[in-house]
Amino acid sequence: MQKQAKSKQRVANHGEVLTGEREVNAMLDLVKPETEQIDSRFLEPACGTGNFLAEILKRKLRVVEDRYAKSQIEYERKEITVGTEMIDKLWNSSRKAVPKPSRGLTCWIGFPRT
């Protein structure tokens, strides 16, 4: 079982609480139709370690693969639009110190409307 807080001090200082994979998936399943629309957008004002954003991106990439894998050109165009390198950027940025929510950290995952 994953701990929901690294330490009481971090919770007190930063309001940091970790959301486990099970909870992330359960919450995203509540808005499943939105996670399956490649042009939908998500705002995560407290992105922390990026658990929600990473799972949203994985789900959207699966949709792109399922819908466009038959047409190589369309698949590549959509995959580039989605930007698979976002996964690396997301993980790299999540490892850095996350500022307090009051500093206005906001993360979006969305795809350009075509």
Protein backbone atom coordinates (compact mmCIF):
# COMPACT_ATOMS: atom_id res chain seq x y z
CA MET A 1 0.00 0.00 0.00
CA GLN A 2 1.35 3.41 -0.98
CA LYS A 3 1.73 6.01 1.75
CA GLN A 4 -0.47 9.07 1.32
CA ALA A 5 2.05 11.46 2.84
CA LYS A 6 5.84 11.54 2.86
CA SER A 7 5.90 13.18 6.27
CA LYS A 8 3.68 15.19 8.61
CA GLN A 9 6.03 18.13 8.11
CA ARG A 10 5.54 18.10 4.32
CA VAL A 11 1.77 17.97 4.79
CA ALA A 12 1.99 20.94 7.18
CA ASN A 13 4.42 22.94 5.01
CA HIS A 14 3.11 22.17 1.53
CA GLY A 15 -0.30 20.55 1.94
CA GLU A 16 1.24 17.58 0.15
CA VAL A 17 -0.85 14.43 0.09
CA LEU A 18 -0.14 11.64 -2.39
CA THR A 19 -2.97 10.05 -4.33
CA GLY A 20 -2.50 6.34 -4.94
CA GLU A 21 -2.88 4.61 -8.30
CA ARG A 22 -6.12 2.90 -7.25
CA GLU A 23 -7.72 6.21 -6.27
CA VAL A 24 -6.45 7.95 -9.42
CA ASN A 25 -7.98 5.28 -11.65
CA ALA A 26 -11.25 5.24 -9.70
CA MET A 27 -11.59 9.02 -10.01
CA LEU A 28 -10.71 9.07 -13.70
CA ASP A 29 -13.20 6.27 -14.32
CA LEU A 30 -15.89 8.67 -13.05
CA VAL A 31 -15.14 10.93 -16.03
CA LYS A 32 -14.21 8.15 -18.43
CA PRO A 33 -15.97 9.68 -21.47
CA GLU A 34 -13.76 12.76 -21.13
CA THR A 35 -10.58 10.68 -20.88
CA GLU A 36 -11.56 8.98 -24.14
CA GLN A 37 -11.96 12.21 -26.11
CA ILE A 38 -8.59 13.18 -27.51
CA ASP A 39 -9.56 16.85 -27.69
CA SER A 40 -10.77 17.12 -24.09
CA ARG A 41 -8.65 19.07 -21.64
CA PHE A 42 -7.86 18.57 -17.98
CA LEU A 43 -6.75 21.12 -15.44
CA GLU A 44 -4.74 19.81 -12.49
CA PRO A 45 -3.97 22.77 -10.22
CA ALA A 46 -2.09 20.64 -7.68
CA CYS A 47 -0.20 18.31 -10.02
CA GLY A 48 2.30 17.15 -7.38
CA THR A 49 3.99 14.02 -8.66
CA GLY A 50 1.80 13.96 -11.76
CA ASN A 51 -0.18 10.79 -10.96
CA PHE A 52 -3.38 12.12 -12.54
CA LEU A 53 -1.71 13.74 -15.52
CA ALA A 54 0.37 10.67 -16.35
CA GLU A 55 -2.68 8.40 -16.26
CA ILE A 56 -4.74 10.84 -18.35
CA LEU A 57 -1.98 10.94 -20.94
CA LYS A 58 -1.69 7.13 -20.99
CA ARG A 59 -5.45 6.82 -21.53
CA LYS A 60 -5.46 9.37 -24.34
CA LEU A 61 -2.51 7.70 -26.07
CA ARG A 62 -4.37 4.38 -25.91
CA VAL A 63 -7.37 6.02 -27.60
CA VAL A 64 -5.14 7.41 -30.35
CA GLU A 65 -3.61 3.98 -30.89
CA ASP A 66 -7.00 2.23 -30.91
CA ARG A 67 -8.59 4.71 -33.32
CA TYR A 68 -5.76 5.47 -35.70
CA ALA A 69 -3.40 2.49 -35.71
CA LYS A 70 -4.89 1.22 -39.00
CA SER A 71 -3.84 4.35 -40.86
CA GLN A 72 -0.12 4.90 -40.29
CA ILE A 73 -0.15 8.50 -41.51
CA GLU A 74 -3.15 9.48 -39.36
CA TYR A 75 -1.74 7.60 -36.38
CA GLU A 76 1.60 9.39 -36.63
CA ARG A 77 -0.10 12.77 -37.05
CA LYS A 78 -2.25 12.21 -33.96
CA GLU A 79 0.63 10.74 -31.98
CA ILE A 80 2.76 13.78 -32.76
CA THR A 81 -0.15 16.03 -31.81
CA VAL A 82 -0.46 14.19 -28.52
CA GLY A 83 3.27 14.48 -27.97
CA THR A 84 4.59 11.29 -26.47
CA GLU A 85 7.59 13.20 -25.20
CA MET A 86 5.20 14.82 -22.71
CA ILE A 87 5.52 11.68 -20.62
CA ASP A 88 9.25 12.24 -20.13
CA LYS A 89 8.73 15.93 -19.45
CA LEU A 90 5.99 15.14 -16.96
CA TRP A 91 8.11 12.65 -15.03
CA ASN A 92 11.17 14.91 -15.08
CA SER A 93 9.24 17.94 -13.85
CA SER A 94 7.45 15.94 -11.17
CA ARG A 95 10.78 15.05 -9.58
CA LYS A 96 11.58 18.70 -8.94
CA ALA A 97 10.30 20.53 -5.90
CA VAL A 98 6.67 21.46 -6.30
CA PRO A 99 5.81 24.99 -5.19
CA LYS A 100 2.95 25.63 -2.79
CA PRO A 101 -0.44 25.75 -4.53
CA SER A 102 -0.68 29.43 -3.58
CA ARG A 103 2.16 30.13 -6.01
CA GLY A 104 -0.14 29.28 -8.88
CA LEU A 105 1.23 26.03 -10.25
CA THR A 106 -1.20 24.84 -12.88
CA CYS A 107 -0.79 21.89 -15.23
CA TRP A 108 -2.86 21.17 -18.31
CA ILE A 109 -3.05 18.13 -20.49
CA GLY A 110 -5.00 18.72 -23.63
CA PHE A 111 -4.67 18.40 -27.32
CA PRO A 112 -5.04 21.07 -29.96
CA ARG A 113 -8.49 21.25 -31.44
CA THR A 114 -8.30 20.43 -35.13
